[in-house]
Amino acid sequence: MVSVMIPDKTFKIIEHNCSIISKEENKMVVNVPLNAYPGYIVILSKNDNEIVKPNVGHLSFLPI
């Protein structure tokens, strides 16, 4: 699980606990709610042994 911080349409930051669908060295696919407002997203790991760099790299919304 990861914590995904997503602003809603009023720009209030909402924390969603989302599951990781797949993970590679340079790409992670996370299950994000469909009603998420496109904008600033921070992904933080819920696993203490795992390091996820927030706000690094390219974020894209792709249907899977």
Protein backbone atom coordinates (compact mmCIF):
# COMPACT_ATOMS: atom_id res chain seq x y z
CA MET A 1 0.00 0.00 0.00
CA VAL A 2 1.05 3.56 -0.63
CA SER A 3 -0.35 6.84 0.58
CA VAL A 4 -1.34 9.05 -2.34
CA MET A 5 -2.01 12.69 -1.49
CA ILE A 6 -4.46 14.12 -4.03
CA PRO A 7 -6.12 17.54 -4.12
CA ASP A 8 -9.86 17.41 -4.77
CA LYS A 9 -11.72 19.97 -6.90
CA THR A 10 -11.68 22.45 -3.99
CA PHE A 11 -7.89 21.88 -3.61
CA LYS A 12 -8.33 20.26 -0.22
CA ILE A 13 -5.64 17.59 0.15
CA ILE A 14 -7.12 14.13 0.60
CA GLU A 15 -5.03 11.10 1.55
CA HIS A 16 -5.92 7.87 -0.21
CA ASN A 17 -4.49 4.48 0.72
CA CYS A 18 -3.88 2.88 -2.66
CA SER A 19 -2.57 -0.48 -3.72
CA ILE A 20 0.49 -0.98 -5.91
CA ILE A 21 -0.50 -2.83 -9.08
CA SER A 22 3.01 -3.34 -10.41
CA LYS A 23 6.48 -2.01 -9.73
CA GLU A 24 9.67 -1.89 -11.77
CA GLU A 25 12.96 -0.09 -11.22
CA ASN A 26 11.78 3.12 -12.88
CA LYS A 27 8.00 2.73 -12.94
CA MET A 28 5.29 2.05 -10.39
CA VAL A 29 1.62 1.62 -11.23
CA VAL A 30 -0.67 2.66 -8.40
CA ASN A 31 -4.42 2.22 -8.19
CA VAL A 32 -5.71 5.83 -7.85
CA PRO A 33 -9.39 6.77 -7.40
CA LEU A 34 -11.15 7.77 -10.62
CA ASN A 35 -12.52 10.94 -9.02
CA ALA A 36 -9.04 12.26 -8.23
CA TYR A 37 -8.52 15.84 -9.32
CA PRO A 38 -5.47 16.08 -11.63
CA GLY A 39 -2.76 17.99 -9.85
CA TYR A 40 -0.11 17.69 -7.20
CA ILE A 41 0.42 14.07 -6.19
CA VAL A 42 2.81 12.76 -3.54
CA ILE A 43 3.38 9.03 -3.24
CA LEU A 44 4.79 7.87 0.09
CA SER A 45 5.57 4.30 1.00
CA LYS A 46 3.71 2.60 3.84
CA ASN A 47 6.50 0.01 4.11
CA ASP A 48 9.44 1.12 6.29
CA ASN A 49 11.85 -1.06 4.30
CA GLU A 50 10.92 0.55 1.00
CA ILE A 51 12.09 3.95 -0.20
CA VAL A 52 9.86 5.82 -2.62
CA LYS A 53 11.11 9.21 -3.78
CA PRO A 54 8.20 11.66 -3.76
CA ASN A 55 7.70 14.02 -6.68
CA VAL A 56 10.52 12.55 -8.74
CA GLY A 57 10.04 11.59 -12.35
CA HIS A 58 7.07 11.67 -14.66
CA LEU A 59 3.55 11.10 -13.36
CA SER A 60 0.93 10.10 -15.87
CA PHE A 61 -2.67 9.02 -15.70
CA LEU A 62 -3.19 5.99 -17.90
CA PRO A 63 -6.17 3.66 -18.02
CA ILE A 64 -5.24 0.04 -17.35
